[in-house]
C-alpha atoms as a PDB file:
ATOM      1  CA  UNK A   1     -21.363-163.963 -11.406  1.00  0.00           C
ATOM      2  CA  UNK A   2     -23.951-166.378  -9.991  1.00  0.00           C
ATOM      3  CA  UNK A   3     -25.943-165.462  -6.904  1.00  0.00           C
ATOM      4  CA  UNK A   4     -24.437-166.379  -3.557  1.00  0.00           C
ATOM      5  CA  UNK A   5     -27.100-168.555  -2.005  1.00  0.00           C
ATOM      6  CA  UNK A   6     -26.208-168.515   1.645  1.00  0.00           C
ATOM      7  CA  UNK A   7     -26.816-165.828   4.294  1.00  0.00           C
ATOM      8  CA  UNK A   8     -25.066-162.844   2.720  1.00  0.00           C
ATOM      9  CA  UNK A   9     -26.376-160.509   5.381  1.00  0.00           C
ATOM     10  CA  UNK A  10     -25.159-162.677   8.259  1.00  0.00           C
ATOM     11  CA  UNK A  11     -21.702-163.074   6.704  1.00  0.00           C
ATOM     12  CA  UNK A  12     -21.214-159.362   6.033  1.00  0.00           C
ATOM     13  CA  UNK A  13     -22.512-158.453   9.510  1.00  0.00           C
ATOM     14  CA  UNK A  14     -20.198-161.035  11.072  1.00  0.00           C
ATOM     15  CA  UNK A  15     -17.176-159.790   9.130  1.00  0.00           C
ATOM     16  CA  UNK A  16     -17.961-156.180  10.033  1.00  0.00           C
ATOM     17  CA  UNK A  17     -18.461-157.055  13.700  1.00  0.00           C
ATOM     18  CA  UNK A  18     -15.208-158.976  13.967  1.00  0.00           C
ATOM     19  CA  UNK A  19     -13.308-155.985  12.599  1.00  0.00           C
ATOM     20  CA  UNK A  20     -14.951-153.545  15.025  1.00  0.00           C
ATOM     21  CA  UNK A  21     -12.764-154.844  17.865  1.00  0.00           C
ATOM     22  CA  UNK A  22     -10.674-152.089  19.467  1.00  0.00           C
ATOM     23  CA  UNK A  23     -12.603-149.472  17.461  1.00  0.00           C
ATOM     24  CA  UNK A  24     -14.229-146.423  19.065  1.00  0.00           C
ATOM     25  CA  UNK A  25     -17.611-144.743  18.661  1.00  0.00           C
ATOM     26  CA  UNK A  26     -16.030-141.341  19.304  1.00  0.00           C
ATOM     27  CA  UNK A  27     -16.450-140.504  15.593  1.00  0.00           C
ATOM     28  CA  UNK A  28     -20.191-140.383  16.272  1.00  0.00           C
ATOM     29  CA  UNK A  29     -19.891-138.127  19.313  1.00  0.00           C
ATOM     30  CA  UNK A  30     -20.135-140.973  21.821  1.00  0.00           C
ATOM     31  CA  UNK A  31     -17.469-140.892  24.514  1.00  0.00           C
ATOM     32  CA  UNK A  32     -17.630-144.503  25.656  1.00  0.00           C
ATOM     33  CA  UNK A  33     -14.878-147.122  26.085  1.00  0.00           C
ATOM     34  CA  UNK A  34     -13.560-148.924  23.002  1.00  0.00           C
ATOM     35  CA  UNK A  35     -15.131-152.175  21.824  1.00  0.00           C
ATOM     36  CA  UNK A  36     -13.448-155.248  23.305  1.00  0.00           C
ATOM     37  CA  UNK A  37     -15.655-157.914  21.747  1.00  0.00           C
ATOM     38  CA  UNK A  38     -18.683-158.178  19.461  1.00  0.00           C
ATOM     39  CA  UNK A  39     -21.356-160.427  20.980  1.00  0.00           C
ATOM     40  CA  UNK A  40     -24.049-162.483  19.178  1.00  0.00           C
ATOM     41  CA  UNK A  41     -27.386-160.725  18.737  1.00  0.00           C
ATOM     42  CA  UNK A  42     -29.611-163.746  18.047  1.00  0.00           C
ATOM     43  CA  UNK A  43     -30.992-163.765  21.588  1.00  0.00           C
ATOM     44  CA  UNK A  44     -34.188-165.728  22.244  1.00  0.00           C
ATOM     45  CA  UNK A  45     -37.221-163.481  21.857  1.00  0.00           C
ATOM     46  CA  UNK A  46     -39.740-163.055  24.661  1.00  0.00           C
ATOM     47  CA  UNK A  47     -42.475-162.265  22.147  1.00  0.00           C
ATOM     48  CA  UNK A  48     -42.825-163.538  18.594  1.00  0.00           C
ATOM     49  CA  UNK A  49     -43.000-160.032  17.128  1.00  0.00           C
ATOM     50  CA  UNK A  50     -39.878-158.657  18.810  1.00  0.00           C
ATOM     51  CA  UNK A  51     -37.181-157.346  16.515  1.00  0.00           C
ATOM     52  CA  UNK A  52     -33.620-158.578  16.557  1.00  0.00           C
ATOM     53  CA  UNK A  53     -31.062-156.413  18.339  1.00  0.00           C
ATOM     54  CA  UNK A  54     -28.966-154.391  15.887  1.00  0.00           C
ATOM     55  CA  UNK A  55     -25.622-154.746  17.689  1.00  0.00           C
ATOM     56  CA  UNK A  56     -24.345-155.955  21.050  1.00  0.00           C
ATOM     57  CA  UNK A  57     -20.820-155.153  22.240  1.00  0.00           C
ATOM     58  CA  UNK A  58     -18.596-155.856  25.213  1.00  0.00           C
ATOM     59  CA  UNK A  59     -16.685-152.660  25.964  1.00  0.00           C
ATOM     60  CA  UNK A  60     -13.254-152.262  27.522  1.00  0.00           C
ATOM     61  CA  UNK A  61     -14.728-151.281  30.915  1.00  0.00           C
ATOM     62  CA  UNK A  62     -16.660-154.570  31.090  1.00  0.00           C
ATOM     63  CA  UNK A  63     -20.064-153.078  30.291  1.00  0.00           C
ATOM     64  CA  UNK A  64     -22.413-154.448  27.634  1.00  0.00           C
ATOM     65  CA  UNK A  65     -23.600-151.950  25.022  1.00  0.00           C
ATOM     66  CA  UNK A  66     -26.693-152.417  22.872  1.00  0.00           C
ATOM     67  CA  UNK A  67     -26.544-150.113  19.829  1.00  0.00           C
ATOM     68  CA  UNK A  68     -29.616-149.275  17.783  1.00  0.00           C
ATOM     69  CA  UNK A  69     -29.996-146.975  14.755  1.00  0.00           C
ATOM     70  CA  UNK A  70     -33.095-144.837  14.232  1.00  0.00           C
ATOM     71  CA  UNK A  71     -34.239-142.502  11.449  1.00  0.00           C
ATOM     72  CA  UNK A  72     -37.308-141.337  13.383  1.00  0.00           C
ATOM     73  CA  UNK A  73     -38.256-140.872  17.021  1.00  0.00           C
ATOM     74  CA  UNK A  74     -41.081-142.610  18.817  1.00  0.00           C
ATOM     75  CA  UNK A  75     -41.638-142.805  22.565  1.00  0.00           C
ATOM     76  CA  UNK A  76     -42.829-146.390  22.151  1.00  0.00           C
ATOM     77  CA  UNK A  77     -39.276-147.337  21.105  1.00  0.00           C
ATOM     78  CA  UNK A  78     -38.328-147.175  24.768  1.00  0.00           C
ATOM     79  CA  UNK A  79     -40.440-150.289  25.396  1.00  0.00           C
ATOM     80  CA  UNK A  80     -38.522-152.000  22.584  1.00  0.00           C
ATOM     81  CA  UNK A  81     -35.224-150.984  24.202  1.00  0.00           C
ATOM     82  CA  UNK A  82     -36.379-152.315  27.578  1.00  0.00           C
ATOM     83  CA  UNK A  83     -37.178-155.642  25.909  1.00  0.00           C
ATOM     84  CA  UNK A  84     -33.678-155.684  24.408  1.00  0.00           C
ATOM     85  CA  UNK A  85     -32.152-155.079  27.833  1.00  0.00           C
ATOM     86  CA  UNK A  86     -34.204-157.697  29.684  1.00  0.00           C
ATOM     87  CA  UNK A  87     -33.576-160.286  26.961  1.00  0.00           C
ATOM     88  CA  UNK A  88     -29.847-159.619  27.179  1.00  0.00           C
ATOM     89  CA  UNK A  89     -29.824-159.984  30.966  1.00  0.00           C
ATOM     90  CA  UNK A  90     -31.939-163.136  30.864  1.00  0.00           C
ATOM     91  CA  UNK A  91     -29.795-164.735  28.153  1.00  0.00           C
ATOM     92  CA  UNK A  92     -26.471-164.114  29.878  1.00  0.00           C
ATOM     93  CA  UNK A  93     -27.741-165.319  33.256  1.00  0.00           C
ATOM     94  CA  UNK A  94     -29.331-168.469  31.790  1.00  0.00           C
ATOM     95  CA  UNK A  95     -26.150-169.278  29.853  1.00  0.00           C
ATOM     96  CA  UNK A  96     -24.124-168.867  33.041  1.00  0.00           C
ATOM     97  CA  UNK A  97     -22.039-166.109  31.474  1.00  0.00           C
ATOM     98  CA  UNK A  98     -22.801-163.759  34.365  1.00  0.00           C
ATOM     99  CA  UNK A  99     -23.918-164.735  37.906  1.00  0.00           C
ATOM    100  CA  UNK A 100     -27.478-163.739  38.792  1.00  0.00           C
ATOM    101  CA  UNK A 101     -26.142-161.959  41.872  1.00  0.00           C
ATOM    102  CA  UNK A 102     -23.471-159.926  40.100  1.00  0.00           C
ATOM    103  CA  UNK A 103     -23.764-156.288  39.059  1.00  0.00           C
ATOM    104  CA  UNK A 104     -24.655-156.059  35.375  1.00  0.00           C
ATOM    105  CA  UNK A 105     -23.635-152.876  33.599  1.00  0.00           C
ATOM    106  CA  UNK A 106     -25.679-152.234  30.481  1.00  0.00           C
ATOM    107  CA  UNK A 107     -25.640-149.308  28.066  1.00  0.00           C
ATOM    108  CA  UNK A 108     -28.484-148.524  25.672  1.00  0.00           C
ATOM    109  CA  UNK A 109     -27.065-146.458  22.804  1.00  0.00           C
ATOM    110  CA  UNK A 110     -29.170-144.968  20.018  1.00  0.00           C
ATOM    111  CA  UNK A 111     -27.586-143.352  16.963  1.00  0.00           C
ATOM    112  CA  UNK A 112     -30.014-141.024  15.180  1.00  0.00           C
ATOM    113  CA  UNK A 113     -29.649-140.239  11.487  1.00  0.00           C
ATOM    114  CA  UNK A 114     -29.581-136.626  10.270  1.00  0.00           C
ATOM    115  CA  UNK A 115     -33.394-136.641  10.148  1.00  0.00           C
ATOM    116  CA  UNK A 116     -33.554-136.263  13.953  1.00  0.00           C
ATOM    117  CA  UNK A 117     -32.425-133.129  15.769  1.00  0.00           C
ATOM    118  CA  UNK A 118     -31.206-132.823  19.358  1.00  0.00           C
ATOM    119  CA  UNK A 119     -34.137-131.722  21.488  1.00  0.00           C
ATOM    120  CA  UNK A 120     -36.637-133.856  19.551  1.00  0.00           C
ATOM    121  CA  UNK A 121     -35.930-136.841  21.765  1.00  0.00           C
ATOM    122  CA  UNK A 122     -36.134-137.683  25.463  1.00  0.00           C
ATOM    123  CA  UNK A 123     -33.229-139.857  26.594  1.00  0.00           C
ATOM    124  CA  UNK A 124     -34.785-140.812  29.939  1.00  0.00           C
ATOM    125  CA  UNK A 125     -37.736-143.018  30.833  1.00  0.00           C
ATOM    126  CA  UNK A 126     -38.981-143.108  34.436  1.00  0.00           C
ATOM    127  CA  UNK A 127     -41.530-145.737  35.450  1.00  0.00           C
ATOM    128  CA  UNK A 128     -41.026-145.318  39.175  1.00  0.00           C
ATOM    129  CA  UNK A 129     -39.399-148.613  40.064  1.00  0.00           C
ATOM    130  CA  UNK A 130     -37.578-148.657  36.740  1.00  0.00           C
ATOM    131  CA  UNK A 131     -35.482-145.963  35.100  1.00  0.00           C
ATOM    132  CA  UNK A 132     -33.913-146.071  31.642  1.00  0.00           C
ATOM    133  CA  UNK A 133     -31.222-143.714  30.374  1.00  0.00           C
ATOM    134  CA  UNK A 134     -30.333-143.751  26.682  1.00  0.00           C
ATOM    135  CA  UNK A 135     -26.961-142.533  25.432  1.00  0.00           C
ATOM    136  CA  UNK A 136     -27.712-140.659  22.221  1.00  0.00           C
ATOM    137  CA  UNK A 137     -25.703-139.621  19.177  1.00  0.00           C
ATOM    138  CA  UNK A 138     -27.032-137.239  16.514  1.00  0.00           C
ATOM    139  CA  UNK A 139     -25.466-137.542  13.065  1.00  0.00           C
ATOM    140  CA  UNK A 140     -27.063-134.269  11.986  1.00  0.00           C
ATOM    141  CA  UNK A 141     -24.047-132.536  13.539  1.00  0.00           C
ATOM    142  CA  UNK A 142     -21.710-134.216  11.013  1.00  0.00           C
ATOM    143  CA  UNK A 143     -20.844-131.893   8.061  1.00  0.00           C
ATOM    144  CA  UNK A 144     -21.815-134.411   5.373  1.00  0.00           C
ATOM    145  CA  UNK A 145     -20.442-132.777   2.229  1.00  0.00           C
ATOM    146  CA  UNK A 146     -17.183-131.615   3.840  1.00  0.00           C
ATOM    147  CA  UNK A 147     -16.585-135.072   5.284  1.00  0.00           C
ATOM    148  CA  UNK A 148     -17.356-136.766   1.963  1.00  0.00           C
ATOM    149  CA  UNK A 149     -14.959-134.460   0.080  1.00  0.00           C
ATOM    150  CA  UNK A 150     -12.252-135.110   2.685  1.00  0.00           C
ATOM    151  CA  UNK A 151     -12.614-138.901   2.476  1.00  0.00           C
ATOM    152  CA  UNK A 152     -12.841-138.785  -1.305  1.00  0.00           C
ATOM    153  CA  UNK A 153      -9.653-136.732  -1.550  1.00  0.00           C
ATOM    154  CA  UNK A 154      -7.686-139.185   0.622  1.00  0.00           C
ATOM    155  CA  UNK A 155      -8.948-142.287  -1.178  1.00  0.00           C
ATOM    156  CA  UNK A 156      -8.309-140.885  -4.674  1.00  0.00           C
ATOM    157  CA  UNK A 157      -4.765-139.963  -3.628  1.00  0.00           C
ATOM    158  CA  UNK A 158      -4.226-143.480  -2.272  1.00  0.00           C
ATOM    159  CA  UNK A 159      -3.762-142.288   1.312  1.00  0.00           C
ATOM    160  CA  UNK A 160      -4.788-144.665   4.129  1.00  0.00           C
ATOM    161  CA  UNK A 161      -7.824-143.771   6.214  1.00  0.00           C
ATOM    162  CA  UNK A 162      -7.388-143.522   9.970  1.00  0.00           C
ATOM    163  CA  UNK A 163      -9.589-145.676  12.204  1.00  0.00           C
ATOM    164  CA  UNK A 164     -11.751-142.645  12.977  1.00  0.00           C
ATOM    165  CA  UNK A 165     -12.127-141.884   9.259  1.00  0.00           C
ATOM    166  CA  UNK A 166     -13.112-145.502   8.612  1.00  0.00           C
ATOM    167  CA  UNK A 167     -15.854-145.227  11.241  1.00  0.00           C
ATOM    168  CA  UNK A 168     -16.976-141.941   9.672  1.00  0.00           C
ATOM    169  CA  UNK A 169     -17.090-143.519   6.202  1.00  0.00           C
ATOM    170  CA  UNK A 170     -19.507-146.289   7.168  1.00  0.00           C
ATOM    171  CA  UNK A 171     -22.066-143.871   8.646  1.00  0.00           C
ATOM    172  CA  UNK A 172     -21.604-141.136   6.027  1.00  0.00           C
ATOM    173  CA  UNK A 173     -24.881-141.960   4.160  1.00  0.00           C
ATOM    174  CA  UNK A 174     -26.836-141.597   7.419  1.00  0.00           C
ATOM    175  CA  UNK A 175     -25.530-138.053   7.909  1.00  0.00           C
ATOM    176  CA  UNK A 176     -27.625-136.869   4.942  1.00  0.00           C
ATOM    177  CA  UNK A 177     -31.276-135.890   5.420  1.00  0.00           C
ATOM    178  CA  UNK A 178     -33.969-137.800   3.569  1.00  0.00           C
ATOM    179  CA  UNK A 179     -34.046-141.306   2.094  1.00  0.00           C
ATOM    180  CA  UNK A 180     -33.129-140.214  -1.449  1.00  0.00           C
ATOM    181  CA  UNK A 181     -30.055-138.276  -0.312  1.00  0.00           C
ATOM    182  CA  UNK A 182     -28.955-141.242   1.801  1.00  0.00           C
ATOM    183  CA  UNK A 183     -29.307-143.655  -1.104  1.00  0.00           C
ATOM    184  CA  UNK A 184     -27.394-141.308  -3.426  1.00  0.00           C
ATOM    185  CA  UNK A 185     -24.605-141.188  -0.837  1.00  0.00           C
ATOM    186  CA  UNK A 186     -24.580-144.989  -0.581  1.00  0.00           C
ATOM    187  CA  UNK A 187     -24.022-145.239  -4.340  1.00  0.00           C
ATOM    188  CA  UNK A 188     -21.168-142.700  -4.233  1.00  0.00           C
ATOM    189  CA  UNK A 189     -19.558-144.386  -1.229  1.00  0.00           C
ATOM    190  CA  UNK A 190     -19.743-147.773  -2.948  1.00  0.00           C
ATOM    191  CA  UNK A 191     -17.892-146.473  -5.997  1.00  0.00           C
ATOM    192  CA  UNK A 192     -15.384-144.712  -3.763  1.00  0.00           C
ATOM    193  CA  UNK A 193     -14.706-147.785  -1.615  1.00  0.00           C
ATOM    194  CA  UNK A 194     -13.999-149.861  -4.731  1.00  0.00           C
ATOM    195  CA  UNK A 195     -10.948-147.660  -5.313  1.00  0.00           C
ATOM    196  CA  UNK A 196      -9.356-148.678  -1.999  1.00  0.00           C
ATOM    197  CA  UNK A 197      -6.509-151.121  -2.681  1.00  0.00           C
ATOM    198  CA  UNK A 198      -6.390-152.583   0.834  1.00  0.00           C
ATOM    199  CA  UNK A 199      -8.929-155.388   0.554  1.00  0.00           C
ATOM    200  CA  UNK A 200      -9.369-155.763   4.309  1.00  0.00           C
ATOM    201  CA  UNK A 201     -10.196-152.072   4.771  1.00  0.00           C
ATOM    202  CA  UNK A 202     -12.407-152.064   1.681  1.00  0.00           C
ATOM    203  CA  UNK A 203     -14.444-155.020   2.912  1.00  0.00           C
ATOM    204  CA  UNK A 204     -14.728-153.545   6.424  1.00  0.00           C
ATOM    205  CA  UNK A 205     -16.091-150.262   5.042  1.00  0.00           C
ATOM    206  CA  UNK A 206     -18.593-151.888   2.682  1.00  0.00           C
ATOM    207  CA  UNK A 207     -19.832-154.459   5.207  1.00  0.00           C
ATOM    208  CA  UNK A 208     -20.154-151.700   7.820  1.00  0.00           C
ATOM    209  CA  UNK A 209     -22.114-149.526   5.419  1.00  0.00           C
ATOM    210  CA  UNK A 210     -24.474-152.440   4.753  1.00  0.00           C
ATOM    211  CA  UNK A 211     -25.037-153.017   8.467  1.00  0.00           C
ATOM    212  CA  UNK A 212     -25.574-149.347   9.327  1.00  0.00           C
ATOM    213  CA  UNK A 213     -27.727-148.544   6.275  1.00  0.00           C
ATOM    214  CA  UNK A 214     -29.770-151.752   6.368  1.00  0.00           C
ATOM    215  CA  UNK A 215     -33.043-149.913   7.024  1.00  0.00           C
ATOM    216  CA  UNK A 216     -32.780-147.510   4.090  1.00  0.00           C
ATOM    217  CA  UNK A 217     -30.584-149.116   1.419  1.00  0.00           C
ATOM    218  CA  UNK A 218     -32.325-150.311  -1.759  1.00  0.00           C
ATOM    219  CA  UNK A 219     -32.402-154.052  -2.411  1.00  0.00           C
ATOM    220  CA  UNK A 220     -30.558-153.557  -5.708  1.00  0.00           C
ATOM    221  CA  UNK A 221     -27.735-151.546  -4.152  1.00  0.00           C
ATOM    222  CA  UNK A 222     -27.493-153.972  -1.246  1.00  0.00           C
ATOM    223  CA  UNK A 223     -27.217-156.905  -3.656  1.00  0.00           C
ATOM    224  CA  UNK A 224     -24.511-155.180  -5.700  1.00  0.00           C
ATOM    225  CA  UNK A 225     -22.405-154.402  -2.628  1.00  0.00           C
ATOM    226  CA  UNK A 226     -22.775-157.942  -1.275  1.00  0.00           C
ATOM    227  CA  UNK A 227     -21.694-159.414  -4.604  1.00  0.00           C
ATOM    228  CA  UNK A 228     -18.648-157.173  -4.684  1.00  0.00           C
ATOM    229  CA  UNK A 229     -17.695-158.253  -1.151  1.00  0.00           C
ATOM    230  CA  UNK A 230     -18.216-161.909  -1.978  1.00  0.00           C
ATOM    231  CA  UNK A 231     -16.034-161.693  -5.076  1.00  0.00           C
ATOM    232  CA  UNK A 232     -13.090-160.781  -2.876  1.00  0.00           C
ATOM    233  CA  UNK A 233     -13.950-162.820   0.226  1.00  0.00           C
ATOM    234  CA  UNK A 234     -15.764-165.910  -0.974  1.00  0.00           C
ATOM    235  CA  UNK A 235     -12.648-168.120  -0.986  1.00  0.00           C
ATOM    236  CA  UNK A 236     -11.730-167.193   2.571  1.00  0.00           C
ATOM    237  CA  UNK A 237     -15.307-167.623   3.798  1.00  0.00           C
ATOM    238  CA  UNK A 238     -15.581-171.077   2.241  1.00  0.00           C
ATOM    239  CA  UNK A 239     -12.376-172.116   3.988  1.00  0.00           C
ATOM    240  CA  UNK A 240     -13.688-170.846   7.327  1.00  0.00           C
ATOM    241  CA  UNK A 241     -16.957-172.711   6.882  1.00  0.00           C
ATOM    242  CA  UNK A 242     -15.150-175.921   5.931  1.00  0.00           C
ATOM    243  CA  UNK A 243     -13.169-175.725   9.173  1.00  0.00           C
ATOM    244  CA  UNK A 244     -16.358-175.103  11.132  1.00  0.00           C
ATOM    245  CA  UNK A 245     -18.024-178.145   9.620  1.00  0.00           C
ATOM    246  CA  UNK A 246     -14.990-180.288  10.410  1.00  0.00           C
ATOM    247  CA  UNK A 247     -15.273-179.309  14.089  1.00  0.00           C
ATOM    248  CA  UNK A 248     -18.945-180.269  14.113  1.00  0.00           C
ATOM    249  CA  UNK A 249     -18.200-183.805  12.900  1.00  0.00           C
ATOM    250  CA  UNK A 250     -18.082-185.216  16.443  1.00  0.00           C
ATOM    251  CA  UNK A 251     -21.461-183.661  17.275  1.00  0.00           C
ATOM    252  CA  UNK A 252     -23.490-184.260  14.120  1.00  0.00           C
ATOM    253  CA  UNK A 253     -23.892-187.204  11.831  1.00  0.00           C
ATOM    254  CA  UNK A 254     -22.077-187.090   8.522  1.00  0.00           C
ATOM    255  CA  UNK A 255     -25.314-187.055   6.572  1.00  0.00           C
ATOM    256  CA  UNK A 256     -26.633-184.078   8.547  1.00  0.00           C
ATOM    257  CA  UNK A 257     -23.428-182.204   7.775  1.00  0.00           C
ATOM    258  CA  UNK A 258     -23.622-183.101   4.098  1.00  0.00           C
ATOM    259  CA  UNK A 259     -27.264-181.945   3.910  1.00  0.00           C
ATOM    260  CA  UNK A 260     -26.346-178.618   5.427  1.00  0.00           C
ATOM    261  CA  UNK A 261     -23.468-178.122   3.020  1.00  0.00           C
ATOM    262  CA  UNK A 262     -25.636-179.057   0.026  1.00  0.00           C
ATOM    263  CA  UNK A 263     -28.189-176.463   1.091  1.00  0.00           C
ATOM    264  CA  UNK A 264     -25.413-173.877   1.161  1.00  0.00           C
ATOM    265  CA  UNK A 265     -24.337-174.747  -2.374  1.00  0.00           C
ATOM    266  CA  UNK A 266     -21.104-176.711  -1.824  1.00  0.00           C
ATOM    267  CA  UNK A 267     -20.072-178.894  -4.809  1.00  0.00           C
ATOM    268  CA  UNK A 268     -20.660-182.622  -4.270  1.00  0.00           C
ATOM    269  CA  UNK A 269     -17.004-183.577  -4.790  1.00  0.00           C
ATOM    270  CA  UNK A 270     -15.858-180.934  -2.303  1.00  0.00           C
ATOM    271  CA  UNK A 271     -18.271-182.318   0.309  1.00  0.00           C
ATOM    272  CA  UNK A 272     -16.902-185.814  -0.288  1.00  0.00           C
ATOM    273  CA  UNK A 273     -13.344-184.532   0.263  1.00  0.00           C
ATOM    274  CA  UNK A 274     -14.264-182.819   3.526  1.00  0.00           C
ATOM    275  CA  UNK A 275     -16.549-185.489   5.018  1.00  0.00           C
ATOM    276  CA  UNK A 276     -14.685-188.767   4.840  1.00  0.00           C
ATOM    277  CA  UNK A 277     -16.868-191.860   4.747  1.00  0.00           C
ATOM    278  CA  UNK A 278     -19.666-190.632   2.476  1.00  0.00           C
ATOM    279  CA  UNK A 279     -19.620-191.736  -1.168  1.00  0.00           C
ATOM    280  CA  UNK A 280     -20.514-189.472  -4.090  1.00  0.00           C
ATOM    281  CA  UNK A 281     -23.669-191.542  -4.683  1.00  0.00           C
ATOM    282  CA  UNK A 282     -24.806-191.050  -1.087  1.00  0.00           C
ATOM    283  CA  UNK A 283     -24.281-187.304  -1.317  1.00  0.00           C
ATOM    284  CA  UNK A 284     -26.097-187.134  -4.670  1.00  0.00           C
ATOM    285  CA  UNK A 285     -29.023-189.031  -3.127  1.00  0.00           C
ATOM    286  CA  UNK A 286     -29.178-186.489  -0.301  1.00  0.00           C
ATOM    287  CA  UNK A 287     -29.268-183.738  -2.933  1.00  0.00           C
ATOM    288  CA  UNK A 288     -32.251-185.421  -4.645  1.00  0.00           C
ATOM    289  CA  UNK A 289     -34.140-185.469  -1.344  1.00  0.00           C
ATOM    290  CA  UNK A 290     -33.616-181.712  -0.962  1.00  0.00           C
ATOM    291  CA  UNK A 291     -35.034-181.029  -4.459  1.00  0.00           C
ATOM    292  CA  UNK A 292     -38.082-183.178  -3.740  1.00  0.00           C
ATOM    293  CA  UNK A 293     -38.942-181.273  -0.544  1.00  0.00           C
END
């Protein structure tokens, strides 16, 4: 199969996020309301070197939850979390999504892999005028091998996984200590997920595992999982993108749309079918300009 040229990571993260709606983090030991909506994480950075937020959720109680995943503990991370929080507040006020005078309820949630033990961290930061409380989850408490055997037994027998078991599956590699053990678990989980007949569940589990294990997964394993996902979802994703481009037609020029689609690897004839008014020669000429850049 040829390489998929466009934003694999963004697509898998988007698919995973969309299917997290109504799910619960209780499988990780976090007693918080269920997820109502997954929010975009590409917030404008205050500083050029700031990292992108891992996940941002709207919960059923109306609060916003930022979720980060850590395999080590550093006090300086609290400054990073404060930047996440202030960027989120600033973005939602500037966009008019929340009034500047309203009460904003934010949660900062950190899920620690099995490499971090309870007691090694400090969930609170007190700077006098500013106090930060972090809601923590420690995956070291998850019985890795027992859980893996349980999930394996159900999948091999063709039994459906509950929502809680699905959430446990996607973080299973992070419940093992050490990078090598995590990567071995990722490989086993990948082979196990391929045996699931329900394509929607299979894709949710694999995309979730990619998102959660992004910091430790090998590039080769990540590429293999993405290719497997794309083999089953590429048709649907192309259809969704074609609809999105059609909606943009009133806002962008036809040539701008065609350029974007060429960069994403759409066939020339397919572009001509979608964007009425551009000839094949015009689209081919746009393609030549891309190659010359």
